[in-house]
Amino acid sequence: MKCGAKRYFVEALINDEKQIGTIIARTPAEARKKFHLANATKAEIISVKEANNNRMIYS
């Protein structure tokens, strides 16, 4: 993990399904770039939000 990196939630439409992924990046723009590289499909990103590290997230 790089200095200044944060965790981001990336919400995207992949194959007409709404999916949420977590990406570790320095900026929201870098999070979008990493998401596109990881998912080599035609993914349409809806939103990128910084994760709140103070709360536990249960699925």
N, C-alpha and C. Protein backbone atom coordinates (compact mmCIF):
# COMPACT_ATOMS: atom_id res chain seq x y z
N MET A 1 0.84 -1.16 0.00
CA MET A 1 0.00 0.00 0.00
C MET A 1 0.90 1.24 0.00
N LYS A 2 0.56 2.18 -0.84
CA LYS A 2 1.34 3.40 -0.95
C LYS A 2 0.99 4.40 0.15
N CYS A 3 1.88 5.31 0.36
CA CYS A 3 1.67 6.37 1.34
C CYS A 3 0.46 7.22 0.91
N GLY A 4 -0.45 7.48 1.82
CA GLY A 4 -1.62 8.30 1.52
C GLY A 4 -2.75 7.55 0.85
N ALA A 5 -2.65 6.24 0.75
CA ALA A 5 -3.69 5.46 0.09
C ALA A 5 -4.90 5.32 1.00
N LYS A 6 -6.08 5.29 0.40
CA LYS A 6 -7.34 5.14 1.10
C LYS A 6 -8.15 4.05 0.41
N ARG A 7 -9.20 3.60 1.07
CA ARG A 7 -10.06 2.58 0.48
C ARG A 7 -11.29 3.27 -0.11
N TYR A 8 -11.64 2.90 -1.33
CA TYR A 8 -12.77 3.48 -2.04
C TYR A 8 -13.74 2.38 -2.45
N PHE A 9 -15.03 2.71 -2.38
CA PHE A 9 -16.07 1.84 -2.91
C PHE A 9 -16.40 2.33 -4.31
N VAL A 10 -16.32 1.44 -5.29
CA VAL A 10 -16.64 1.79 -6.67
C VAL A 10 -17.92 1.06 -7.04
N GLU A 11 -18.95 1.83 -7.39
CA GLU A 11 -20.24 1.28 -7.79
C GLU A 11 -20.31 1.36 -9.31
N ALA A 12 -20.58 0.22 -9.96
CA ALA A 12 -20.55 0.20 -11.41
C ALA A 12 -21.60 -0.75 -11.97
N LEU A 13 -21.93 -0.52 -13.24
CA LEU A 13 -22.80 -1.43 -13.97
C LEU A 13 -21.93 -2.32 -14.85
N ILE A 14 -21.95 -3.62 -14.57
CA ILE A 14 -21.19 -4.59 -15.36
C ILE A 14 -22.17 -5.61 -15.88
N ASN A 15 -22.28 -5.69 -17.20
CA ASN A 15 -23.23 -6.60 -17.85
C ASN A 15 -24.64 -6.38 -17.32
N ASP A 16 -25.05 -5.11 -17.22
CA ASP A 16 -26.38 -4.69 -16.75
C ASP A 16 -26.67 -5.13 -15.32
N GLU A 17 -25.64 -5.36 -14.52
CA GLU A 17 -25.79 -5.67 -13.10
C GLU A 17 -25.05 -4.63 -12.29
N LYS A 18 -25.68 -4.14 -11.23
CA LYS A 18 -25.06 -3.16 -10.36
C LYS A 18 -24.16 -3.89 -9.37
N GLN A 19 -22.86 -3.56 -9.38
CA GLN A 19 -21.90 -4.21 -8.50
C GLN A 19 -21.08 -3.17 -7.76
N ILE A 20 -20.63 -3.55 -6.55
CA ILE A 20 -19.80 -2.66 -5.74
C ILE A 20 -18.49 -3.37 -5.46
N GLY A 21 -17.39 -2.68 -5.72
CA GLY A 21 -16.06 -3.23 -5.45
C GLY A 21 -15.26 -2.29 -4.58
N THR A 22 -14.28 -2.82 -3.90
CA THR A 22 -13.40 -1.98 -3.08
C THR A 22 -12.04 -1.90 -3.74
N ILE A 23 -11.50 -0.70 -3.79
CA ILE A 23 -10.21 -0.43 -4.42
C ILE A 23 -9.38 0.40 -3.45
N ILE A 24 -8.10 0.09 -3.33
CA ILE A 24 -7.19 0.89 -2.53
C ILE A 24 -6.40 1.78 -3.48
N ALA A 25 -6.55 3.11 -3.29
CA ALA A 25 -5.91 4.08 -4.17
C ALA A 25 -5.71 5.39 -3.41
N ARG A 26 -4.95 6.29 -4.02
CA ARG A 26 -4.70 7.59 -3.41
C ARG A 26 -5.82 8.58 -3.67
N THR A 27 -6.38 8.55 -4.88
CA THR A 27 -7.43 9.50 -5.27
C THR A 27 -8.59 8.75 -5.91
N PRO A 28 -9.76 9.38 -6.01
CA PRO A 28 -10.88 8.74 -6.70
C PRO A 28 -10.58 8.46 -8.18
N ALA A 29 -9.81 9.33 -8.81
CA ALA A 29 -9.45 9.11 -10.22
C ALA A 29 -8.59 7.86 -10.37
N GLU A 30 -7.67 7.65 -9.44
CA GLU A 30 -6.83 6.45 -9.48
C GLU A 30 -7.67 5.21 -9.19
N ALA A 31 -8.67 5.34 -8.34
CA ALA A 31 -9.57 4.21 -8.05
C ALA A 31 -10.35 3.81 -9.30
N ARG A 32 -10.82 4.81 -10.06
CA ARG A 32 -11.52 4.51 -11.32
C ARG A 32 -10.59 3.79 -12.30
N LYS A 33 -9.36 4.28 -12.40
CA LYS A 33 -8.39 3.69 -13.32
C LYS A 33 -8.10 2.24 -12.95
N LYS A 34 -7.87 1.98 -11.66
CA LYS A 34 -7.59 0.62 -11.21
C LYS A 34 -8.79 -0.30 -11.42
N PHE A 35 -9.99 0.24 -11.23
CA PHE A 35 -11.20 -0.57 -11.44
C PHE A 35 -11.33 -0.97 -12.90
N HIS A 36 -11.08 -0.02 -13.80
CA HIS A 36 -11.16 -0.33 -15.23
C HIS A 36 -10.08 -1.35 -15.63
N LEU A 37 -8.90 -1.26 -15.06
CA LEU A 37 -7.83 -2.21 -15.39
C LEU A 37 -8.14 -3.60 -14.83
N ALA A 38 -8.75 -3.66 -13.64
CA ALA A 38 -9.07 -4.94 -13.03
C ALA A 38 -10.24 -5.62 -13.73
N ASN A 39 -11.20 -4.84 -14.19
CA ASN A 39 -12.37 -5.37 -14.89
C ASN A 39 -12.27 -4.97 -16.35
N ALA A 40 -11.71 -5.82 -17.15
CA ALA A 40 -11.43 -5.49 -18.55
C ALA A 40 -12.70 -5.52 -19.40
N THR A 41 -13.84 -5.38 -18.78
CA THR A 41 -15.10 -5.33 -19.50
C THR A 41 -15.52 -3.89 -19.70
N LYS A 42 -16.60 -3.70 -20.39
CA LYS A 42 -17.13 -2.36 -20.57
C LYS A 42 -17.98 -2.03 -19.35
N ALA A 43 -17.33 -1.58 -18.31
CA ALA A 43 -18.00 -1.24 -17.06
C ALA A 43 -18.29 0.26 -17.04
N GLU A 44 -19.51 0.60 -16.69
CA GLU A 44 -19.90 2.00 -16.56
C GLU A 44 -19.91 2.34 -15.08
N ILE A 45 -18.97 3.17 -14.66
CA ILE A 45 -18.85 3.52 -13.24
C ILE A 45 -19.92 4.54 -12.89
N ILE A 46 -20.67 4.23 -11.83
CA ILE A 46 -21.73 5.11 -11.36
C ILE A 46 -21.19 6.09 -10.33
N SER A 47 -20.46 5.58 -9.32
CA SER A 47 -19.93 6.46 -8.28
C SER A 47 -18.69 5.87 -7.64
N VAL A 48 -17.88 6.75 -7.08
CA VAL A 48 -16.70 6.37 -6.30
C VAL A 48 -16.78 7.12 -4.99
N LYS A 49 -16.83 6.36 -3.87
CA LYS A 49 -16.95 6.99 -2.55
C LYS A 49 -15.84 6.48 -1.64
N GLU A 50 -15.33 7.38 -0.82
CA GLU A 50 -14.30 7.00 0.14
C GLU A 50 -14.94 6.19 1.27
N ALA A 51 -14.31 5.09 1.64
CA ALA A 51 -14.83 4.24 2.70
C ALA A 51 -14.59 4.90 4.05
N ASN A 52 -15.55 4.77 4.93
CA ASN A 52 -15.44 5.30 6.28
C ASN A 52 -14.78 4.22 7.13
N ASN A 53 -13.57 4.45 7.59
CA ASN A 53 -12.83 3.45 8.34
C ASN A 53 -13.29 3.32 9.79
N ASN A 54 -14.19 4.19 10.23
CA ASN A 54 -14.65 4.16 11.61
C ASN A 54 -15.78 3.16 11.83
N ARG A 55 -16.40 2.69 10.77
CA ARG A 55 -17.52 1.79 10.89
C ARG A 55 -17.18 0.43 10.31
N MET A 56 -17.73 -0.60 10.90
CA MET A 56 -17.61 -1.94 10.33
C MET A 56 -18.73 -2.10 9.31
N ILE A 57 -18.43 -2.71 8.19
CA ILE A 57 -19.42 -2.90 7.13
C ILE A 57 -19.74 -4.39 7.06
N TYR A 58 -21.00 -4.70 7.23
CA TYR A 58 -21.45 -6.10 7.19
C TYR A 58 -22.24 -6.32 5.93
N SER A 59 -21.96 -7.42 5.26
CA SER A 59 -22.69 -7.75 4.03
C SER A 59 -23.79 -8.74 4.31
